[in-house]
Amino acid sequence: MNRHQNVYNNLLELVGQTPMVQLHKIVEDFPGTYFAKLEFFNPGQSAKDRIALHIIENAEKKGILKPGSTIVETTSGNTGFSLAMIAMVKGYKCKLAVSDKSSKDKIDGLRAMGAEVFVCPANVPADHPKSYYEVAKKVQKETPNSIYINQYFNELNIEAHYETTGPEIWEQTQGRVTHVVVASGTGGTISGCGKYLKEKNPDIKILGVDAEGSVLKKYHETGKIDPNEIKPYKIEGLGKNLIPTSTDFSVIDVYEKVSDKAAACKARKLVIKEGIFSGYTSGAVVQATEQYAQKKLFNESSVVVLIFPDHGSRYITKIYSDRWMKEQGFFDEDLPKNKQSHYVN
């Protein structure tokens, strides 16, 4: 079939080339023009499809992955889903270690995609034997013919976004982009995009988003990890309690921290104002953009790109659940509740 007729050989040919849509109501009080890059248009519904496919294809070229191999990874859910999807298409097995703060929707999705899932406690140090980092390493050592993707310490994580996401943003804005707001977790997206875009125009500002309870912002500013900053938080896939080598801090201009509540509420408001049903980290990106706007980082000529990492369907039992929001104390008075269902007998 001809690919130009929108007919593809398999799902993996759909990775990348995600659309960008202009934001209006959610940013109406900010100067400048704002666009959201919708990474949930990837077939696995997140930006992680890019790195998963890039790393796996690199391993295949090097002969590290062979028929019958098992892919092992540490994940908050999205990378795991991408790896499981790719493993299903290519015929590999998949074993994933996830933290117990990952939504039930994500964990159920991983299992549905054929992955063997190890659910690990989130609130333990990174070097604790029960942390999802250490569990994944142990699983890989005990699994013959397996590879550990190791996204937090894999330079291919950065390379994937340098080769795809960065160029897409440059082309989609016709080189007019002035700021990019990116959630920082493993750091691959922000580092790859930042490196590419600053090579095209050094004046482009790369604005990081960190979570309250994470060490990234202070490490960026001081070069030191402050253990006193580490505390539990709800946002998945944002921030870290260690420093990933897949984060190139030199291309990041500044970080802004956001709270669990603000990010959750902003994701809900994004649906109401723009009709965009995106994930928890997308809410964090919008919240950080608002905080950056309040600090006067933008003007009328600014062209700001916000990267929305994943889809809201992975958070139905969390931020899109009225019950969960109430349990966390996250409901603002101006945040409408979900509409009621009406059952007709």
Protein backbone atom coordinates (compact mmCIF):
# COMPACT_ATOMS: atom_id res chain seq x y z
CA MET A 1 0.00 0.00 0.00
CA ASN A 2 1.09 3.58 -0.62
CA ARG A 3 1.95 5.33 2.65
CA HIS A 4 0.88 8.67 1.14
CA GLN A 5 -2.70 7.37 1.01
CA ASN A 6 -2.73 7.15 4.83
CA VAL A 7 -2.47 3.38 4.64
CA TYR A 8 0.36 1.90 6.72
CA ASN A 9 2.04 -1.46 7.15
CA ASN A 10 1.71 -1.38 10.94
CA LEU A 11 1.19 0.95 13.91
CA LEU A 12 4.86 1.77 14.24
CA GLU A 13 4.83 3.78 11.01
CA LEU A 14 2.46 6.20 12.77
CA VAL A 15 5.00 7.24 15.41
CA GLY A 16 5.90 10.94 15.21
CA GLN A 17 4.65 13.84 13.06
CA THR A 18 2.10 14.74 15.75
CA PRO A 19 -0.16 17.75 15.13
CA MET A 20 -0.02 21.14 16.76
CA VAL A 21 -3.14 23.12 17.69
CA GLN A 22 -3.46 26.74 18.77
CA LEU A 23 -4.72 27.38 22.29
CA HIS A 24 -7.21 30.17 22.93
CA LYS A 25 -9.35 30.34 26.07
CA ILE A 26 -6.92 28.69 28.52
CA VAL A 27 -4.25 31.29 27.63
CA GLU A 28 -6.47 34.29 26.89
CA ASP A 29 -4.91 36.37 29.68
CA PHE A 30 -1.31 35.79 28.53
CA PRO A 31 0.53 37.85 25.89
CA GLY A 32 1.69 36.03 22.78
CA THR A 33 0.52 33.07 20.68
CA TYR A 34 0.34 29.57 22.14
CA PHE A 35 0.34 26.15 20.50
CA ALA A 36 -0.03 22.68 22.01
CA LYS A 37 1.90 19.81 20.44
CA LEU A 38 -0.41 16.84 20.93
CA GLU A 39 1.83 13.86 21.58
CA PHE A 40 -1.18 11.65 22.33
CA PHE A 41 -1.66 11.43 18.54
CA ASN A 42 1.15 8.88 18.57
CA PRO A 43 -0.32 5.34 18.25
CA GLY A 44 0.56 4.55 21.86
CA GLN A 45 -1.02 7.86 22.93
CA SER A 46 2.16 9.41 24.33
CA ALA A 47 5.50 10.98 23.46
CA LYS A 48 7.20 7.84 24.74
CA ASP A 49 6.48 6.02 21.47
CA ARG A 50 9.33 8.04 19.98
CA ILE A 51 12.02 6.90 22.39
CA ALA A 52 10.75 3.34 22.69
CA LEU A 53 10.87 2.78 18.93
CA HIS A 54 14.22 4.57 18.55
CA ILE A 55 15.90 2.55 21.33
CA ILE A 56 14.47 -0.79 20.16
CA GLU A 57 15.42 -0.23 16.52
CA ASN A 58 18.91 0.78 17.61
CA ALA A 59 19.21 -2.44 19.63
CA GLU A 60 18.03 -4.46 16.62
CA LYS A 61 20.65 -2.84 14.37
CA LYS A 62 23.36 -3.71 16.89
CA GLY A 63 22.12 -7.30 17.17
CA ILE A 64 21.34 -6.91 20.89
CA LEU A 65 17.66 -7.73 20.36
CA LYS A 66 17.00 -11.10 18.76
CA PRO A 67 13.87 -13.16 18.07
CA GLY A 68 12.32 -14.23 21.35
CA SER A 69 14.10 -11.52 23.36
CA THR A 70 12.50 -9.90 26.40
CA ILE A 71 12.37 -6.13 26.85
CA VAL A 72 12.65 -4.93 30.47
CA GLU A 73 12.08 -1.39 31.67
CA THR A 74 11.37 0.97 34.57
CA THR A 75 8.35 3.13 33.76
CA SER A 76 5.63 5.38 35.16
CA GLY A 77 3.38 3.78 32.55
CA ASN A 78 3.73 5.54 29.21
CA THR A 79 7.13 4.19 28.17
CA GLY A 80 5.96 0.77 29.27
CA PHE A 81 2.85 0.98 27.12
CA SER A 82 4.93 2.06 24.12
CA LEU A 83 7.38 -0.79 24.67
CA ALA A 84 4.59 -3.33 25.14
CA MET A 85 2.90 -2.13 21.94
CA ILE A 86 6.13 -2.34 19.96
CA ALA A 87 6.93 -5.75 21.48
CA MET A 88 3.53 -7.05 20.36
CA VAL A 89 4.09 -5.80 16.80
CA LYS A 90 7.68 -7.07 16.58
CA GLY A 91 7.23 -10.33 18.50
CA TYR A 92 9.19 -9.66 21.70
CA LYS A 93 8.23 -10.30 25.32
CA CYS A 94 7.94 -7.41 27.76
CA LYS A 95 8.44 -7.10 31.53
CA LEU A 96 7.86 -3.78 33.27
CA ALA A 97 8.47 -2.37 36.76
CA VAL A 98 6.07 0.46 37.62
CA SER A 99 5.50 2.54 40.74
CA ASP A 100 2.29 2.11 42.70
CA LYS A 101 1.40 5.76 42.11
CA SER A 102 0.84 4.95 38.43
CA SER A 103 -2.87 5.03 37.71
CA LYS A 104 -4.85 1.79 37.66
CA ASP A 105 -5.76 2.70 34.09
CA LYS A 106 -2.09 2.64 33.08
CA ILE A 107 -1.35 -0.63 34.88
CA ASP A 108 -4.40 -2.35 33.41
CA GLY A 109 -3.40 -1.04 29.98
CA LEU A 110 0.10 -2.52 30.31
CA ARG A 111 -1.31 -5.91 31.23
CA ALA A 112 -3.81 -5.75 28.37
CA MET A 113 -0.90 -5.14 26.01
CA GLY A 114 0.66 -8.42 27.11
CA ALA A 115 3.29 -7.07 29.50
CA GLU A 116 4.24 -8.75 32.76
CA VAL A 117 3.99 -5.98 35.36
CA PHE A 118 5.81 -5.59 38.68
CA VAL A 119 4.14 -2.92 40.84
CA CYS A 120 6.65 -1.33 43.24
CA PRO A 121 6.27 1.16 46.13
CA ALA A 122 6.75 4.75 44.96
CA ASN A 123 7.84 6.29 48.23
CA VAL A 124 11.19 4.55 48.66
CA PRO A 125 14.69 5.81 47.76
CA ALA A 126 15.88 5.15 44.21
CA ASP A 127 18.51 2.66 45.46
CA HIS A 128 16.06 0.71 47.65
CA PRO A 129 15.77 -2.93 46.52
CA LYS A 130 12.00 -2.52 46.15
CA SER A 131 12.22 0.67 44.03
CA TYR A 132 11.10 0.22 40.45
CA TYR A 133 14.62 1.04 39.27
CA GLU A 134 16.18 -1.81 41.26
CA VAL A 135 13.36 -4.28 40.58
CA ALA A 136 13.74 -3.77 36.82
CA LYS A 137 17.49 -4.38 37.06
CA LYS A 138 16.90 -7.57 39.05
CA VAL A 139 14.26 -8.82 36.61
CA GLN A 140 16.58 -8.20 33.66
CA LYS A 141 19.46 -10.09 35.31
CA GLU A 142 17.19 -13.05 36.01
CA THR A 143 15.65 -13.13 32.51
CA PRO A 144 17.68 -14.87 29.78
CA ASN A 145 17.96 -13.16 26.38
CA SER A 146 16.71 -9.81 27.74
CA ILE A 147 17.70 -6.15 27.52
CA TYR A 148 17.14 -3.27 29.94
CA ILE A 149 15.97 -0.12 28.12
CA ASN A 150 17.13 2.14 31.00
CA GLN A 151 15.46 5.31 29.69
CA TYR A 152 16.71 7.44 32.60
CA PHE A 153 20.34 6.81 31.71
CA ASN A 154 20.17 6.24 27.95
CA GLU A 155 21.47 8.92 25.57
CA LEU A 156 19.20 7.53 22.86
CA ASN A 157 16.31 9.03 24.85
CA ILE A 158 17.66 12.49 23.97
CA GLU A 159 18.60 11.48 20.44
CA ALA A 160 15.05 10.36 19.60
CA HIS A 161 13.63 13.82 20.32
CA TYR A 162 16.61 15.61 18.73
CA GLU A 163 15.91 13.76 15.48
CA THR A 164 12.09 14.01 15.51
CA THR A 165 10.26 16.25 18.00
CA GLY A 166 12.62 19.22 17.78
CA PRO A 167 12.60 19.38 13.96
CA GLU A 168 8.81 18.98 13.91
CA ILE A 169 8.34 21.98 16.22
CA TRP A 170 10.72 24.08 14.12
CA GLU A 171 8.93 23.17 10.89
CA GLN A 172 5.40 23.49 12.29
CA THR A 173 6.08 27.01 13.58
CA GLN A 174 8.08 27.89 10.44
CA GLY A 175 10.98 28.79 12.71
CA ARG A 176 8.95 31.38 14.64
CA VAL A 177 8.98 29.50 17.96
CA THR A 178 10.41 31.60 20.82
CA HIS A 179 9.66 29.42 23.87
CA VAL A 180 8.98 25.73 24.48
CA VAL A 181 7.41 24.55 27.76
CA VAL A 182 8.24 20.92 28.51
CA ALA A 183 7.58 18.53 31.40
CA SER A 184 10.89 17.17 32.70
CA GLY A 185 11.00 13.56 33.90
CA THR A 186 13.65 11.38 32.31
CA GLY A 187 14.61 14.55 30.45
CA GLY A 188 14.72 13.10 26.95
CA THR A 189 12.01 15.31 25.47
CA ILE A 190 13.21 18.60 26.93
CA SER A 191 16.87 17.84 26.21
CA GLY A 192 16.43 16.58 22.65
CA CYS A 193 14.07 19.39 21.67
CA GLY A 194 16.20 21.95 23.45
CA LYS A 195 19.40 20.86 21.79
CA TYR A 196 17.90 20.91 18.29
CA LEU A 197 16.02 24.18 18.63
CA LYS A 198 18.93 26.07 20.20
CA GLU A 199 21.13 24.94 17.32
CA LYS A 200 18.58 26.52 14.98
CA ASN A 201 18.18 29.66 17.11
CA PRO A 202 20.11 30.15 20.38
CA ASP A 203 17.56 32.74 21.53
CA ILE A 204 14.79 30.15 21.88
CA LYS A 205 14.01 29.63 25.56
CA ILE A 206 13.56 26.09 26.87
CA LEU A 207 11.28 26.24 29.91
CA GLY A 208 11.23 23.19 32.17
CA VAL A 209 8.36 21.95 34.31
CA ASP A 210 9.16 20.22 37.60
CA ALA A 211 7.01 18.84 40.41
CA GLU A 212 6.90 19.92 44.04
CA GLY A 213 8.72 17.07 45.78
CA SER A 214 11.30 16.66 42.99
CA VAL A 215 14.98 17.63 42.93
CA LEU A 216 15.39 18.75 39.30
CA LYS A 217 14.81 22.50 39.58
CA LYS A 218 17.24 23.03 42.45
CA TYR A 219 19.82 20.72 40.87
CA HIS A 220 19.62 22.81 37.68
CA GLU A 221 20.23 25.97 39.69
CA THR A 222 22.90 24.72 42.12
CA GLY A 223 24.37 21.51 40.70
CA LYS A 224 23.49 19.75 43.95
CA ILE A 225 20.76 17.36 45.07
CA ASP A 226 18.88 18.56 48.14
CA PRO A 227 17.46 15.48 49.95
CA ASN A 228 15.18 17.78 51.94
CA GLU A 229 13.26 18.55 48.75
CA ILE A 230 12.30 14.93 48.17
CA LYS A 231 8.73 14.17 49.21
CA PRO A 232 5.83 12.11 47.83
CA TYR A 233 3.72 13.65 45.08
CA LYS A 234 0.90 12.50 42.83
CA ILE A 235 1.88 13.62 39.31
CA GLU A 236 3.13 10.71 37.20
CA GLY A 237 6.09 10.99 34.85
CA LEU A 238 7.19 14.42 36.07
CA GLY A 239 10.18 15.26 38.26
CA LYS A 240 12.60 12.86 39.87
CA ASN A 241 14.25 11.89 43.17
CA LEU A 242 17.51 11.26 41.29
CA ILE A 243 19.34 12.93 38.42
CA PRO A 244 18.86 11.15 35.07
CA THR A 245 21.83 11.34 32.72
CA SER A 246 19.26 11.59 29.91
CA THR A 247 18.68 15.18 31.06
CA ASP A 248 21.01 17.73 29.47
CA PHE A 249 20.62 20.62 31.90
CA SER A 250 22.79 22.88 29.72
CA VAL A 251 20.01 23.38 27.15
CA ILE A 252 17.32 24.17 29.76
CA ASP A 253 17.00 27.86 30.60
CA VAL A 254 14.86 27.68 33.71
CA TYR A 255 12.52 25.43 35.67
CA GLU A 256 9.17 26.12 37.31
CA LYS A 257 7.66 23.81 39.93
CA VAL A 258 3.96 23.01 40.01
CA SER A 259 1.80 21.42 42.68
CA ASP A 260 -0.26 18.24 42.38
CA LYS A 261 -3.50 20.16 42.89
CA ALA A 262 -2.75 22.96 40.43
CA ALA A 263 -1.73 20.50 37.69
CA ALA A 264 -4.82 18.33 38.21
CA CYS A 265 -7.19 21.27 38.18
CA LYS A 266 -5.53 22.76 35.11
CA ALA A 267 -5.92 19.48 33.19
CA ARG A 268 -9.63 19.51 34.01
CA LYS A 269 -9.93 23.16 32.96
CA LEU A 270 -8.09 22.39 29.71
CA VAL A 271 -10.89 20.01 28.77
CA ILE A 272 -13.56 22.56 29.63
CA LYS A 273 -11.92 25.50 27.87
CA GLU A 274 -10.25 23.86 24.85
CA GLY A 275 -11.87 20.42 24.54
CA ILE A 276 -8.42 18.81 24.83
CA PHE A 277 -8.59 15.61 26.89
CA SER A 278 -4.98 15.26 27.98
CA GLY A 279 -3.04 13.78 30.88
CA TYR A 280 -1.83 14.95 34.28
CA THR A 281 1.52 16.24 32.99
CA SER A 282 -0.24 18.31 30.32
CA GLY A 283 -2.09 20.06 33.13
CA ALA A 284 1.28 20.66 34.78
CA VAL A 285 2.64 22.17 31.55
CA VAL A 286 -0.31 24.58 31.27
CA GLN A 287 0.04 25.52 34.95
CA ALA A 288 3.76 26.19 34.54
CA THR A 289 3.04 28.30 31.46
CA GLU A 290 0.67 30.42 33.55
CA GLN A 291 3.36 30.82 36.22
CA TYR A 292 5.92 31.78 33.58
CA ALA A 293 3.46 34.32 32.15
CA GLN A 294 2.99 35.81 35.60
CA LYS A 295 6.78 36.24 35.76
CA LYS A 296 6.64 38.25 32.50
CA LEU A 297 8.62 35.78 30.39
CA PHE A 298 6.33 36.32 27.39
CA ASN A 299 5.35 39.33 25.29
CA GLU A 300 2.99 39.95 22.39
CA SER A 301 5.49 38.62 19.85
CA SER A 302 6.14 35.37 21.72
CA VAL A 303 5.32 32.07 20.00
CA VAL A 304 5.08 29.51 22.78
CA VAL A 305 4.85 25.75 22.21
CA LEU A 306 3.53 23.56 25.01
CA ILE A 307 4.24 19.84 24.69
CA PHE A 308 1.31 17.71 25.93
CA PRO A 309 2.86 14.30 26.66
CA ASP A 310 -0.11 11.93 26.87
CA HIS A 311 -3.87 11.33 26.75
CA GLY A 312 -6.45 11.78 29.48
CA SER A 313 -7.80 8.24 29.12
CA ARG A 314 -4.88 7.08 31.29
CA TYR A 315 -6.16 9.09 34.24
CA ILE A 316 -9.88 8.25 34.34
CA THR A 317 -9.61 6.89 37.88
CA LYS A 318 -7.42 9.79 39.02
CA ILE A 319 -7.71 13.40 37.90
CA TYR A 320 -10.88 12.79 35.86
CA SER A 321 -12.60 11.06 38.76
CA ASP A 322 -14.64 13.44 40.97
CA ARG A 323 -14.24 10.97 43.83
CA TRP A 324 -10.43 10.89 43.55
CA MET A 325 -10.22 14.67 43.27
CA LYS A 326 -12.36 15.07 46.40
CA GLU A 327 -10.27 12.52 48.29
CA GLN A 328 -7.13 14.51 47.49
CA GLY A 329 -8.79 17.83 48.41
CA PHE A 330 -8.18 19.07 44.87
CA PHE A 331 -11.57 20.51 43.94
CA ASP A 332 -11.60 24.28 43.47
CA GLU A 333 -14.92 26.08 43.76
CA ASP A 334 -14.70 27.19 40.12
CA LEU A 335 -13.91 23.70 38.82
CA PRO A 336 -17.12 22.13 37.46
CA LYS A 337 -17.85 18.56 38.44
CA ASN A 338 -18.42 15.88 35.83
CA LYS A 339 -21.91 15.77 34.37
CA GLN A 340 -24.30 13.19 35.80
CA SER A 341 -25.28 10.02 33.94
CA HIS A 342 -28.97 9.40 33.30
CA TYR A 343 -30.11 5.78 33.06
CA VAL A 344 -33.29 5.22 31.10
CA ASN A 345 -35.18 2.01 31.92
